[in-house]
C-alpha atoms as a PDB file:
ATOM      1  CA  UNK A   1      69.160 128.165  85.212  1.00  0.00           C
ATOM      2  CA  UNK A   2      67.839 125.897  87.951  1.00  0.00           C
ATOM      3  CA  UNK A   3      65.423 126.908  90.675  1.00  0.00           C
ATOM      4  CA  UNK A   4      66.060 125.205  93.994  1.00  0.00           C
ATOM      5  CA  UNK A   5      63.323 124.977  96.594  1.00  0.00           C
ATOM      6  CA  UNK A   6      64.747 124.024  99.968  1.00  0.00           C
ATOM      7  CA  UNK A   7      62.847 122.474 102.887  1.00  0.00           C
ATOM      8  CA  UNK A   8      63.719 122.082 106.537  1.00  0.00           C
ATOM      9  CA  UNK A   9      62.090 118.936 107.960  1.00  0.00           C
ATOM     10  CA  UNK A  10      61.394 118.273 111.623  1.00  0.00           C
ATOM     11  CA  UNK A  11      59.741 115.415 113.494  1.00  0.00           C
ATOM     12  CA  UNK A  12      57.912 116.517 116.626  1.00  0.00           C
ATOM     13  CA  UNK A  13      55.225 114.603 118.512  1.00  0.00           C
ATOM     14  CA  UNK A  14      55.088 111.979 115.750  1.00  0.00           C
ATOM     15  CA  UNK A  15      54.346 114.510 112.986  1.00  0.00           C
ATOM     16  CA  UNK A  16      56.810 115.337 110.205  1.00  0.00           C
ATOM     17  CA  UNK A  17      56.722 118.996 109.163  1.00  0.00           C
ATOM     18  CA  UNK A  18      58.369 120.500 106.090  1.00  0.00           C
ATOM     19  CA  UNK A  19      58.897 124.256 105.937  1.00  0.00           C
ATOM     20  CA  UNK A  20      60.100 125.938 102.784  1.00  0.00           C
ATOM     21  CA  UNK A  21      63.300 127.875 103.419  1.00  0.00           C
ATOM     22  CA  UNK A  22      63.160 129.993 100.289  1.00  0.00           C
ATOM     23  CA  UNK A  23      59.502 129.522  99.321  1.00  0.00           C
ATOM     24  CA  UNK A  24      56.308 130.013 101.356  1.00  0.00           C
ATOM     25  CA  UNK A  25      55.433 126.303 101.484  1.00  0.00           C
ATOM     26  CA  UNK A  26      54.535 124.426 104.686  1.00  0.00           C
ATOM     27  CA  UNK A  27      53.098 120.915 104.902  1.00  0.00           C
ATOM     28  CA  UNK A  28      53.095 117.913 107.212  1.00  0.00           C
ATOM     29  CA  UNK A  29      52.483 114.168 107.360  1.00  0.00           C
ATOM     30  CA  UNK A  30      52.158 111.352 109.885  1.00  0.00           C
ATOM     31  CA  UNK A  31      54.857 109.320 108.097  1.00  0.00           C
ATOM     32  CA  UNK A  32      57.864 110.359 106.046  1.00  0.00           C
ATOM     33  CA  UNK A  33      56.240 108.832 102.955  1.00  0.00           C
ATOM     34  CA  UNK A  34      53.097 110.932 103.555  1.00  0.00           C
ATOM     35  CA  UNK A  35      55.290 113.982 103.964  1.00  0.00           C
ATOM     36  CA  UNK A  36      57.022 113.328 100.629  1.00  0.00           C
ATOM     37  CA  UNK A  37      53.661 113.140  98.848  1.00  0.00           C
ATOM     38  CA  UNK A  38      52.440 116.275 100.602  1.00  0.00           C
ATOM     39  CA  UNK A  39      55.613 118.194  99.686  1.00  0.00           C
ATOM     40  CA  UNK A  40      55.122 117.298  96.026  1.00  0.00           C
ATOM     41  CA  UNK A  41      51.469 118.359  96.134  1.00  0.00           C
ATOM     42  CA  UNK A  42      52.136 121.606  98.028  1.00  0.00           C
ATOM     43  CA  UNK A  43      55.047 122.489  95.741  1.00  0.00           C
ATOM     44  CA  UNK A  44      52.925 121.785  92.671  1.00  0.00           C
ATOM     45  CA  UNK A  45      50.173 124.082  93.954  1.00  0.00           C
ATOM     46  CA  UNK A  46      52.714 126.783  94.775  1.00  0.00           C
ATOM     47  CA  UNK A  47      54.246 126.571  91.302  1.00  0.00           C
ATOM     48  CA  UNK A  48      50.790 126.757  89.686  1.00  0.00           C
ATOM     49  CA  UNK A  49      50.190 130.057  91.482  1.00  0.00           C
ATOM     50  CA  UNK A  50      53.618 131.441  90.571  1.00  0.00           C
ATOM     51  CA  UNK A  51      53.992 129.844  87.130  1.00  0.00           C
ATOM     52  CA  UNK A  52      55.022 133.079  85.429  1.00  0.00           C
ATOM     53  CA  UNK A  53      58.194 133.164  87.530  1.00  0.00           C
ATOM     54  CA  UNK A  54      59.106 129.527  86.882  1.00  0.00           C
ATOM     55  CA  UNK A  55      58.094 129.089  83.228  1.00  0.00           C
ATOM     56  CA  UNK A  56      61.163 131.044  82.134  1.00  0.00           C
ATOM     57  CA  UNK A  57      63.410 128.550  83.957  1.00  0.00           C
ATOM     58  CA  UNK A  58      61.489 125.263  84.316  1.00  0.00           C
ATOM     59  CA  UNK A  59      64.214 123.097  85.918  1.00  0.00           C
ATOM     60  CA  UNK A  60      63.430 122.724  89.622  1.00  0.00           C
ATOM     61  CA  UNK A  61      65.310 120.848  92.344  1.00  0.00           C
ATOM     62  CA  UNK A  62      63.911 120.124  95.806  1.00  0.00           C
ATOM     63  CA  UNK A  63      66.487 120.060  98.583  1.00  0.00           C
ATOM     64  CA  UNK A  64      65.639 118.523 101.981  1.00  0.00           C
ATOM     65  CA  UNK A  65      67.435 119.320 105.251  1.00  0.00           C
ATOM     66  CA  UNK A  66      66.914 116.938 108.171  1.00  0.00           C
ATOM     67  CA  UNK A  67      67.293 117.826 111.813  1.00  0.00           C
ATOM     68  CA  UNK A  68      69.036 114.899 113.536  1.00  0.00           C
ATOM     69  CA  UNK A  69      68.133 112.606 115.158  1.00  0.00           C
ATOM     70  CA  UNK A  70      65.453 112.267 112.523  1.00  0.00           C
ATOM     71  CA  UNK A  71      64.045 108.802 113.257  1.00  0.00           C
ATOM     72  CA  UNK A  72      64.258 109.051 117.045  1.00  0.00           C
END
């Protein structure tokens, strides 16, 4: 079984924000590349805290949803 963690990503006032849709994870970054790194770090920390839930089914997929226009 795969666990999918979904994120909604917005870009407001020059800051990218990722909010977990089905997990309590929120992070941001000045660039999209910074945001990607921060999502990985925040997700890793979240999974460390909830490892009992995810060790039974270790396959995890991150799904990103972009609000257009994204690079405006």
